[in-house]
Amino acid sequence: MRKRLLLVVVILPILAGCEKVEQSSAPSGSRKNLPEQESWDSEITLSQSGRTTAIVQAKHLTKFQQIVEIDEGLKVDFFNQDGSHSSVLTAARGTIDQRTNNLKAIGNVVLISDEGSQLRTEQLMWDNRRGKVLAEGEVTISTEQMTETGTGFEAYPDLKRWSMKQVTGRSKQRLETIKE
């Protein structure tokens, strides 16, 4: 009887301390926030029907499923229908939806056409299918002839023709040109 009691006293604490242990290489919940890919000094080519529409350069990017997040040094070279370079966009950061090849540029956005027109705003969207840049917020566009400020902007990246839903200011003076 003493042996049985001693056996129960020794085995019971051992069994009570056992529990199912799941192995994991990362703490619980943290895998959801990790990117699928991460890259530095990268280049992404955007296209429509096999034609290059833009080449995106990023100092740092991360990819989460179909969304590429550029959190450092966004630069985009745009190309027109015949494949000629038309303009350069720079911004603090941005995103690319890889399903549509649409791009959103955020923070100190500047778009300068090869002919010298320039656009400044805080957020600009590139609609790859339509081949246009769009901005809902305030924009300032400057050409050789004038400067115009407003909201609801839409144009081709070469900035030759544009529309603005609400013009809030117009001047015959050109803003100071931003150098790359």
C-alpha atoms as a PDB file:
ATOM      1  CA  MET A   1       0.000   0.000   0.000  1.00  0.00           C
ATOM      2  CA  ARG A   2       2.859   2.341   0.804  1.00  0.00           C
ATOM      3  CA  LYS A   3       4.415   1.655  -2.597  1.00  0.00           C
ATOM      4  CA  ARG A   4       1.126   2.508  -4.373  1.00  0.00           C
ATOM      5  CA  LEU A   5       0.743   5.732  -2.418  1.00  0.00           C
ATOM      6  CA  LEU A   6       4.349   6.668  -3.133  1.00  0.00           C
ATOM      7  CA  LEU A   7       3.843   5.895  -6.857  1.00  0.00           C
ATOM      8  CA  VAL A   8       0.680   8.085  -6.980  1.00  0.00           C
ATOM      9  CA  VAL A   9       2.439  10.908  -5.118  1.00  0.00           C
ATOM     10  CA  VAL A  10       5.365  10.809  -7.589  1.00  0.00           C
ATOM     11  CA  ILE A  11       3.421  10.305 -10.870  1.00  0.00           C
ATOM     12  CA  LEU A  12       0.451  12.656 -10.199  1.00  0.00           C
ATOM     13  CA  PRO A  13       2.527  15.889 -10.105  1.00  0.00           C
ATOM     14  CA  ILE A  14       4.339  14.820 -13.263  1.00  0.00           C
ATOM     15  CA  LEU A  15       1.058  14.211 -15.120  1.00  0.00           C
ATOM     16  CA  ALA A  16      -0.470  17.443 -13.807  1.00  0.00           C
ATOM     17  CA  GLY A  17       2.454  19.437 -15.203  1.00  0.00           C
ATOM     18  CA  CYS A  18       2.037  18.041 -18.703  1.00  0.00           C
ATOM     19  CA  GLU A  19       0.184  20.108 -21.261  1.00  0.00           C
ATOM     20  CA  LYS A  20       0.059  20.243 -25.017  1.00  0.00           C
ATOM     21  CA  VAL A  21       2.825  22.505 -26.330  1.00  0.00           C
ATOM     22  CA  GLU A  22       2.530  23.967 -29.852  1.00  0.00           C
ATOM     23  CA  GLN A  23       5.754  24.835 -31.581  1.00  0.00           C
ATOM     24  CA  SER A  24       5.956  28.201 -33.266  1.00  0.00           C
ATOM     25  CA  SER A  25       8.870  30.075 -34.732  1.00  0.00           C
ATOM     26  CA  ALA A  26       7.263  33.471 -33.989  1.00  0.00           C
ATOM     27  CA  PRO A  27       5.260  34.797 -31.071  1.00  0.00           C
ATOM     28  CA  SER A  28       1.502  34.454 -31.379  1.00  0.00           C
ATOM     29  CA  GLY A  29      -0.127  37.128 -33.565  1.00  0.00           C
ATOM     30  CA  SER A  30       3.109  38.595 -34.904  1.00  0.00           C
ATOM     31  CA  ARG A  31       3.074  36.666 -38.194  1.00  0.00           C
ATOM     32  CA  LYS A  32       0.136  38.742 -39.431  1.00  0.00           C
ATOM     33  CA  ASN A  33       2.280  41.893 -39.434  1.00  0.00           C
ATOM     34  CA  LEU A  34       5.317  40.428 -41.176  1.00  0.00           C
ATOM     35  CA  PRO A  35       5.725  41.178 -44.897  1.00  0.00           C
ATOM     36  CA  GLU A  36       5.929  38.410 -47.470  1.00  0.00           C
ATOM     37  CA  GLN A  37       8.862  40.213 -49.060  1.00  0.00           C
ATOM     38  CA  GLU A  38      11.123  43.113 -48.196  1.00  0.00           C
ATOM     39  CA  SER A  39      13.560  44.869 -50.503  1.00  0.00           C
ATOM     40  CA  TRP A  40      15.951  47.829 -50.667  1.00  0.00           C
ATOM     41  CA  ASP A  41      16.881  49.912 -53.748  1.00  0.00           C
ATOM     42  CA  SER A  42      14.213  48.202 -55.842  1.00  0.00           C
ATOM     43  CA  GLU A  43      12.680  48.833 -59.243  1.00  0.00           C
ATOM     44  CA  ILE A  44       9.159  47.792 -60.315  1.00  0.00           C
ATOM     45  CA  THR A  45       7.858  48.083 -63.884  1.00  0.00           C
ATOM     46  CA  LEU A  46       4.142  48.838 -64.302  1.00  0.00           C
ATOM     47  CA  SER A  47       2.506  48.010 -67.619  1.00  0.00           C
ATOM     48  CA  GLN A  48      -0.809  48.019 -69.443  1.00  0.00           C
ATOM     49  CA  SER A  49      -1.376  45.517 -72.283  1.00  0.00           C
ATOM     50  CA  GLY A  50       2.361  44.778 -72.477  1.00  0.00           C
ATOM     51  CA  ARG A  51       3.365  48.455 -72.744  1.00  0.00           C
ATOM     52  CA  THR A  52       5.478  49.991 -69.971  1.00  0.00           C
ATOM     53  CA  THR A  53       3.523  52.819 -68.334  1.00  0.00           C
ATOM     54  CA  ALA A  54       5.799  53.543 -65.372  1.00  0.00           C
ATOM     55  CA  ILE A  55       9.014  52.466 -63.695  1.00  0.00           C
ATOM     56  CA  VAL A  56       8.924  52.769 -59.905  1.00  0.00           C
ATOM     57  CA  GLN A  57      12.088  53.098 -57.844  1.00  0.00           C
ATOM     58  CA  ALA A  58      12.013  52.665 -54.077  1.00  0.00           C
ATOM     59  CA  LYS A  59      14.705  52.934 -51.449  1.00  0.00           C
ATOM     60  CA  HIS A  60      12.756  50.507 -49.241  1.00  0.00           C
ATOM     61  CA  LEU A  61       9.592  48.471 -49.815  1.00  0.00           C
ATOM     62  CA  THR A  62       7.607  45.676 -48.226  1.00  0.00           C
ATOM     63  CA  LYS A  63       5.014  43.405 -49.841  1.00  0.00           C
ATOM     64  CA  PHE A  64       1.868  42.200 -48.097  1.00  0.00           C
ATOM     65  CA  GLN A  65      -0.183  39.894 -50.383  1.00  0.00           C
ATOM     66  CA  GLN A  66      -0.982  42.050 -53.445  1.00  0.00           C
ATOM     67  CA  ILE A  67      -0.014  45.414 -51.890  1.00  0.00           C
ATOM     68  CA  VAL A  68       3.498  46.837 -52.102  1.00  0.00           C
ATOM     69  CA  GLU A  69       4.224  49.512 -49.491  1.00  0.00           C
ATOM     70  CA  ILE A  70       7.016  51.951 -50.268  1.00  0.00           C
ATOM     71  CA  ASP A  71       7.997  53.656 -47.050  1.00  0.00           C
ATOM     72  CA  GLU A  72      11.138  55.424 -48.207  1.00  0.00           C
ATOM     73  CA  GLY A  73      12.187  57.314 -51.330  1.00  0.00           C
ATOM     74  CA  LEU A  74       9.523  56.899 -54.024  1.00  0.00           C
ATOM     75  CA  LYS A  75      10.448  57.924 -57.580  1.00  0.00           C
ATOM     76  CA  VAL A  76       8.326  57.135 -60.661  1.00  0.00           C
ATOM     77  CA  ASP A  77       9.243  57.639 -64.326  1.00  0.00           C
ATOM     78  CA  PHE A  78       6.108  57.783 -66.524  1.00  0.00           C
ATOM     79  CA  PHE A  79       5.976  56.850 -70.221  1.00  0.00           C
ATOM     80  CA  ASN A  80       3.394  57.885 -72.840  1.00  0.00           C
ATOM     81  CA  GLN A  81       1.578  55.766 -75.454  1.00  0.00           C
ATOM     82  CA  ASP A  82       4.558  55.612 -77.827  1.00  0.00           C
ATOM     83  CA  GLY A  83       6.943  54.577 -75.040  1.00  0.00           C
ATOM     84  CA  SER A  84       8.640  57.959 -74.664  1.00  0.00           C
ATOM     85  CA  HIS A  85       9.470  59.296 -71.217  1.00  0.00           C
ATOM     86  CA  SER A  86       6.909  61.960 -70.180  1.00  0.00           C
ATOM     87  CA  SER A  87       7.449  62.910 -66.523  1.00  0.00           C
ATOM     88  CA  VAL A  88       8.978  62.134 -63.124  1.00  0.00           C
ATOM     89  CA  LEU A  89       7.121  61.867 -59.823  1.00  0.00           C
ATOM     90  CA  THR A  90       8.749  61.957 -56.393  1.00  0.00           C
ATOM     91  CA  ALA A  91       7.112  61.435 -53.003  1.00  0.00           C
ATOM     92  CA  ALA A  92       7.928  60.479 -49.433  1.00  0.00           C
ATOM     93  CA  ARG A  93       6.110  57.138 -49.669  1.00  0.00           C
ATOM     94  CA  GLY A  94       3.430  55.226 -51.535  1.00  0.00           C
ATOM     95  CA  THR A  95       1.638  51.984 -52.316  1.00  0.00           C
ATOM     96  CA  ILE A  96       1.126  49.836 -55.406  1.00  0.00           C
ATOM     97  CA  ASP A  97      -1.849  47.502 -55.852  1.00  0.00           C
ATOM     98  CA  GLN A  98      -0.354  44.663 -57.907  1.00  0.00           C
ATOM     99  CA  ARG A  99      -3.785  43.486 -59.102  1.00  0.00           C
ATOM    100  CA  THR A 100      -4.409  46.778 -60.952  1.00  0.00           C
ATOM    101  CA  ASN A 101      -0.918  48.363 -61.061  1.00  0.00           C
ATOM    102  CA  ASN A 102      -2.480  51.476 -59.526  1.00  0.00           C
ATOM    103  CA  LEU A 103      -0.105  53.574 -57.464  1.00  0.00           C
ATOM    104  CA  LYS A 104      -0.751  56.012 -54.624  1.00  0.00           C
ATOM    105  CA  ALA A 105       1.953  58.596 -53.846  1.00  0.00           C
ATOM    106  CA  ILE A 106       1.791  60.200 -50.397  1.00  0.00           C
ATOM    107  CA  GLY A 107       3.667  63.069 -48.779  1.00  0.00           C
ATOM    108  CA  ASN A 108       5.368  65.973 -50.556  1.00  0.00           C
ATOM    109  CA  VAL A 109       4.313  64.731 -53.994  1.00  0.00           C
ATOM    110  CA  VAL A 110       5.918  66.510 -56.957  1.00  0.00           C
ATOM    111  CA  LEU A 111       5.255  65.599 -60.604  1.00  0.00           C
ATOM    112  CA  ILE A 112       7.428  67.337 -63.204  1.00  0.00           C
ATOM    113  CA  SER A 113       6.745  66.865 -66.906  1.00  0.00           C
ATOM    114  CA  ASP A 114       9.592  66.649 -69.404  1.00  0.00           C
ATOM    115  CA  GLU A 115       8.324  69.957 -70.846  1.00  0.00           C
ATOM    116  CA  GLY A 116       8.702  71.728 -67.478  1.00  0.00           C
ATOM    117  CA  SER A 117       5.174  71.835 -66.030  1.00  0.00           C
ATOM    118  CA  GLN A 118       5.006  70.806 -62.393  1.00  0.00           C
ATOM    119  CA  LEU A 119       2.364  69.654 -59.972  1.00  0.00           C
ATOM    120  CA  ARG A 120       2.580  69.743 -56.164  1.00  0.00           C
ATOM    121  CA  THR A 121       0.206  68.010 -53.758  1.00  0.00           C
ATOM    122  CA  GLU A 122       0.161  65.788 -50.677  1.00  0.00           C
ATOM    123  CA  GLN A 123      -1.506  62.742 -52.270  1.00  0.00           C
ATOM    124  CA  LEU A 124      -1.762  61.609 -55.886  1.00  0.00           C
ATOM    125  CA  MET A 125      -3.219  58.449 -57.412  1.00  0.00           C
ATOM    126  CA  TRP A 126      -2.012  56.844 -60.663  1.00  0.00           C
ATOM    127  CA  ASP A 127      -4.860  54.976 -62.399  1.00  0.00           C
ATOM    128  CA  ASN A 128      -2.917  52.576 -64.604  1.00  0.00           C
ATOM    129  CA  ARG A 129      -5.911  51.425 -66.684  1.00  0.00           C
ATOM    130  CA  ARG A 130      -6.927  55.001 -67.573  1.00  0.00           C
ATOM    131  CA  GLY A 131      -3.338  56.252 -67.782  1.00  0.00           C
ATOM    132  CA  LYS A 132      -4.125  59.275 -65.597  1.00  0.00           C
ATOM    133  CA  VAL A 133      -3.033  60.889 -62.354  1.00  0.00           C
ATOM    134  CA  LEU A 134      -5.792  61.949 -59.947  1.00  0.00           C
ATOM    135  CA  ALA A 135      -5.854  64.060 -56.799  1.00  0.00           C
ATOM    136  CA  GLU A 136      -8.886  64.770 -54.648  1.00  0.00           C
ATOM    137  CA  GLY A 137      -7.118  67.171 -52.285  1.00  0.00           C
ATOM    138  CA  GLU A 138      -5.497  70.516 -53.003  1.00  0.00           C
ATOM    139  CA  VAL A 139      -3.024  70.708 -55.894  1.00  0.00           C
ATOM    140  CA  THR A 140      -0.918  73.467 -57.401  1.00  0.00           C
ATOM    141  CA  ILE A 141       0.075  73.159 -61.042  1.00  0.00           C
ATOM    142  CA  SER A 142       2.532  75.505 -62.660  1.00  0.00           C
ATOM    143  CA  THR A 143       3.277  75.940 -66.379  1.00  0.00           C
ATOM    144  CA  GLU A 144       5.306  78.529 -68.295  1.00  0.00           C
ATOM    145  CA  GLN A 145       2.177  80.701 -68.599  1.00  0.00           C
ATOM    146  CA  MET A 146       0.507  80.435 -65.199  1.00  0.00           C
ATOM    147  CA  THR A 147      -0.020  78.783 -61.823  1.00  0.00           C
ATOM    148  CA  GLU A 148      -3.362  77.334 -60.737  1.00  0.00           C
ATOM    149  CA  THR A 149      -4.485  75.929 -57.372  1.00  0.00           C
ATOM    150  CA  GLY A 150      -7.590  73.857 -56.678  1.00  0.00           C
ATOM    151  CA  THR A 151      -9.081  70.455 -55.903  1.00  0.00           C
ATOM    152  CA  GLY A 152     -10.372  67.517 -57.916  1.00  0.00           C
ATOM    153  CA  PHE A 153      -7.422  67.257 -60.305  1.00  0.00           C
ATOM    154  CA  GLU A 154      -7.138  64.843 -63.250  1.00  0.00           C
ATOM    155  CA  ALA A 155      -4.489  64.705 -66.006  1.00  0.00           C
ATOM    156  CA  TYR A 156      -2.195  62.560 -68.086  1.00  0.00           C
ATOM    157  CA  PRO A 157       1.278  62.413 -66.508  1.00  0.00           C
ATOM    158  CA  ASP A 158       2.767  64.652 -69.218  1.00  0.00           C
ATOM    159  CA  LEU A 159       0.624  67.511 -67.754  1.00  0.00           C
ATOM    160  CA  LYS A 160      -0.216  68.885 -71.213  1.00  0.00           C
ATOM    161  CA  ARG A 161      -3.963  68.853 -70.488  1.00  0.00           C
ATOM    162  CA  TRP A 162      -5.684  68.696 -67.138  1.00  0.00           C
ATOM    163  CA  SER A 163      -8.991  69.356 -65.456  1.00  0.00           C
ATOM    164  CA  MET A 164      -9.679  70.714 -62.001  1.00  0.00           C
ATOM    165  CA  LYS A 165     -13.156  70.545 -60.452  1.00  0.00           C
ATOM    166  CA  GLN A 166     -12.735  73.551 -58.195  1.00  0.00           C
ATOM    167  CA  VAL A 167     -10.156  76.260 -58.910  1.00  0.00           C
ATOM    168  CA  THR A 168      -9.325  78.274 -55.795  1.00  0.00           C
ATOM    169  CA  GLY A 169      -6.511  80.428 -57.166  1.00  0.00           C
ATOM    170  CA  ARG A 170      -4.896  81.505 -60.422  1.00  0.00           C
ATOM    171  CA  SER A 171      -1.800  83.557 -61.155  1.00  0.00           C
ATOM    172  CA  LYS A 172       0.106  84.521 -64.278  1.00  0.00           C
ATOM    173  CA  GLN A 173       3.355  83.913 -62.435  1.00  0.00           C
ATOM    174  CA  ARG A 174       5.190  80.622 -62.420  1.00  0.00           C
ATOM    175  CA  LEU A 175       6.228  78.980 -59.163  1.00  0.00           C
ATOM    176  CA  GLU A 176       9.898  78.338 -58.527  1.00  0.00           C
ATOM    177  CA  THR A 177      10.983  75.145 -60.287  1.00  0.00           C
ATOM    178  CA  ILE A 178      11.921  72.223 -58.088  1.00  0.00           C
ATOM    179  CA  LYS A 179      15.174  70.502 -59.037  1.00  0.00           C
ATOM    180  CA  GLU A 180      15.497  66.747 -58.642  1.00  0.00           C
END
